C-alpha atoms as a PDB file:
ATOM      1  CA  UNK A   1      -0.160   0.012  -0.151  1.00  0.00           C
ATOM      2  CA  UNK A   2       2.413   2.167   1.125  1.00  0.00           C
ATOM      3  CA  UNK A   3       4.081   1.846  -2.246  1.00  0.00           C
ATOM      4  CA  UNK A   4       1.136   2.582  -4.247  1.00  0.00           C
ATOM      5  CA  UNK A   5       0.793   5.657  -2.679  1.00  0.00           C
ATOM      6  CA  UNK A   6       4.536   6.827  -3.511  1.00  0.00           C
ATOM      7  CA  UNK A   7       4.375   6.067  -7.120  1.00  0.00           C
ATOM      8  CA  UNK A   8       0.718   7.836  -7.197  1.00  0.00           C
ATOM      9  CA  UNK A   9       2.269  10.569  -5.589  1.00  0.00           C
ATOM     10  CA  UNK A  10       5.155  10.464  -7.823  1.00  0.00           C
ATOM     11  CA  UNK A  11       2.688  10.499 -11.035  1.00  0.00           C
ATOM     12  CA  UNK A  12       0.601  13.223  -9.992  1.00  0.00           C
ATOM     13  CA  UNK A  13       4.158  15.507  -9.113  1.00  0.00           C
ATOM     14  CA  UNK A  14       5.369  14.860 -12.844  1.00  0.00           C
ATOM     15  CA  UNK A  15       1.874  15.997 -13.987  1.00  0.00           C
ATOM     16  CA  UNK A  16       2.118  19.065 -12.036  1.00  0.00           C
ATOM     17  CA  UNK A  17       6.241  19.584 -13.091  1.00  0.00           C
ATOM     18  CA  UNK A  18       5.114  19.775 -16.487  1.00  0.00           C
ATOM     19  CA  UNK A  19       1.802  21.987 -15.858  1.00  0.00           C
ATOM     20  CA  UNK A  20      -0.664  19.742 -17.234  1.00  0.00           C
ATOM     21  CA  UNK A  21      -3.963  19.515 -15.092  1.00  0.00           C
ATOM     22  CA  UNK A  22      -5.080  15.798 -14.229  1.00  0.00           C
ATOM     23  CA  UNK A  23      -8.200  16.930 -11.908  1.00  0.00           C
ATOM     24  CA  UNK A  24     -11.907  16.757 -13.082  1.00  0.00           C
ATOM     25  CA  UNK A  25     -12.680  16.722 -16.380  1.00  0.00           C
ATOM     26  CA  UNK A  26      -9.572  17.996 -17.404  1.00  0.00           C
ATOM     27  CA  UNK A  27      -7.856  14.637 -17.357  1.00  0.00           C
ATOM     28  CA  UNK A  28     -10.059  14.199 -20.569  1.00  0.00           C
ATOM     29  CA  UNK A  29      -8.844  16.932 -22.614  1.00  0.00           C
ATOM     30  CA  UNK A  30      -6.785  15.646 -25.401  1.00  0.00           C
ATOM     31  CA  UNK A  31      -3.347  16.659 -26.365  1.00  0.00           C
ATOM     32  CA  UNK A  32      -2.275  18.674 -29.346  1.00  0.00           C
ATOM     33  CA  UNK A  33      -6.028  20.116 -29.761  1.00  0.00           C
ATOM     34  CA  UNK A  34      -7.239  21.039 -26.051  1.00  0.00           C
ATOM     35  CA  UNK A  35      -3.537  21.001 -24.295  1.00  0.00           C
ATOM     36  CA  UNK A  36      -1.387  23.023 -26.814  1.00  0.00           C
ATOM     37  CA  UNK A  37       1.611  20.777 -26.560  1.00  0.00           C
ATOM     38  CA  UNK A  38       3.584  19.047 -29.213  1.00  0.00           C
ATOM     39  CA  UNK A  39       4.696  15.120 -29.407  1.00  0.00           C
ATOM     40  CA  UNK A  40       7.934  15.897 -27.835  1.00  0.00           C
ATOM     41  CA  UNK A  41       6.184  17.472 -24.693  1.00  0.00           C
ATOM     42  CA  UNK A  42       4.241  14.374 -24.171  1.00  0.00           C
ATOM     43  CA  UNK A  43       7.240  12.124 -24.758  1.00  0.00           C
ATOM     44  CA  UNK A  44       9.096  14.102 -22.261  1.00  0.00           C
ATOM     45  CA  UNK A  45       6.236  13.362 -19.409  1.00  0.00           C
ATOM     46  CA  UNK A  46       6.233   9.653 -20.487  1.00  0.00           C
ATOM     47  CA  UNK A  47      10.154   9.533 -20.221  1.00  0.00           C
ATOM     48  CA  UNK A  48       9.975  11.474 -16.947  1.00  0.00           C
ATOM     49  CA  UNK A  49       7.447   8.789 -15.687  1.00  0.00           C
ATOM     50  CA  UNK A  50       9.429   5.823 -16.836  1.00  0.00           C
ATOM     51  CA  UNK A  51      12.309   7.177 -15.437  1.00  0.00           C
ATOM     52  CA  UNK A  52      11.067   7.805 -12.009  1.00  0.00           C
ATOM     53  CA  UNK A  53       8.437   4.747 -11.857  1.00  0.00           C
ATOM     54  CA  UNK A  54      11.099   2.555 -13.784  1.00  0.00           C
ATOM     55  CA  UNK A  55       8.492   0.951 -15.932  1.00  0.00           C
ATOM     56  CA  UNK A  56       9.025   1.395 -19.791  1.00  0.00           C
ATOM     57  CA  UNK A  57       5.728   1.703 -21.985  1.00  0.00           C
ATOM     58  CA  UNK A  58       5.732  -0.204 -24.999  1.00  0.00           C
ATOM     59  CA  UNK A  59       5.946   1.731 -28.223  1.00  0.00           C
ATOM     60  CA  UNK A  60       2.252   0.715 -29.512  1.00  0.00           C
ATOM     61  CA  UNK A  61       1.052   2.305 -25.798  1.00  0.00           C
ATOM     62  CA  UNK A  62       3.031   5.269 -26.795  1.00  0.00           C
ATOM     63  CA  UNK A  63       1.074   5.818 -29.940  1.00  0.00           C
ATOM     64  CA  UNK A  64      -2.262   5.256 -28.052  1.00  0.00           C
ATOM     65  CA  UNK A  65      -2.036   8.320 -25.480  1.00  0.00           C
ATOM     66  CA  UNK A  66      -3.845  10.791 -26.533  1.00  0.00           C
ATOM     67  CA  UNK A  67      -5.069  12.214 -22.812  1.00  0.00           C
ATOM     68  CA  UNK A  68      -3.338  12.581 -19.676  1.00  0.00           C
ATOM     69  CA  UNK A  69      -6.084   9.771 -18.595  1.00  0.00           C
ATOM     70  CA  UNK A  70      -4.235   7.904 -20.717  1.00  0.00           C
ATOM     71  CA  UNK A  71      -1.052   8.271 -19.600  1.00  0.00           C
ATOM     72  CA  UNK A  72      -2.485   7.589 -15.933  1.00  0.00           C
ATOM     73  CA  UNK A  73      -4.066   4.257 -17.003  1.00  0.00           C
ATOM     74  CA  UNK A  74      -1.137   3.227 -19.149  1.00  0.00           C
ATOM     75  CA  UNK A  75       1.314   3.649 -16.063  1.00  0.00           C
ATOM     76  CA  UNK A  76      -1.396   2.697 -13.738  1.00  0.00           C
ATOM     77  CA  UNK A  77      -1.587  -1.264 -15.192  1.00  0.00           C
ATOM     78  CA  UNK A  78       2.131  -1.380 -15.285  1.00  0.00           C
ATOM     79  CA  UNK A  79       3.673   0.348 -12.403  1.00  0.00           C
ATOM     80  CA  UNK A  80       0.713   0.632  -9.816  1.00  0.00           C
ATOM     81  CA  UNK A  81      -0.104  -2.903  -9.928  1.00  0.00           C
END
């Protein structure tokens, strides 16, 4: 349980550092159209999460990410399990 909480805090802190809101309906906003970022910015978020959580996402998982919620779900299934 303690490890799960620590990883959740890491996830939240990375999003805060990148200025991406993940609360309420804002976590459903689409990268690129509703959140004005480019692919490199999103790759930066993914890189930070992978390195801090010690988890690697597959390329096919990366290509499916379109919103902050997608990022959360991808890492939840691997790192927070």
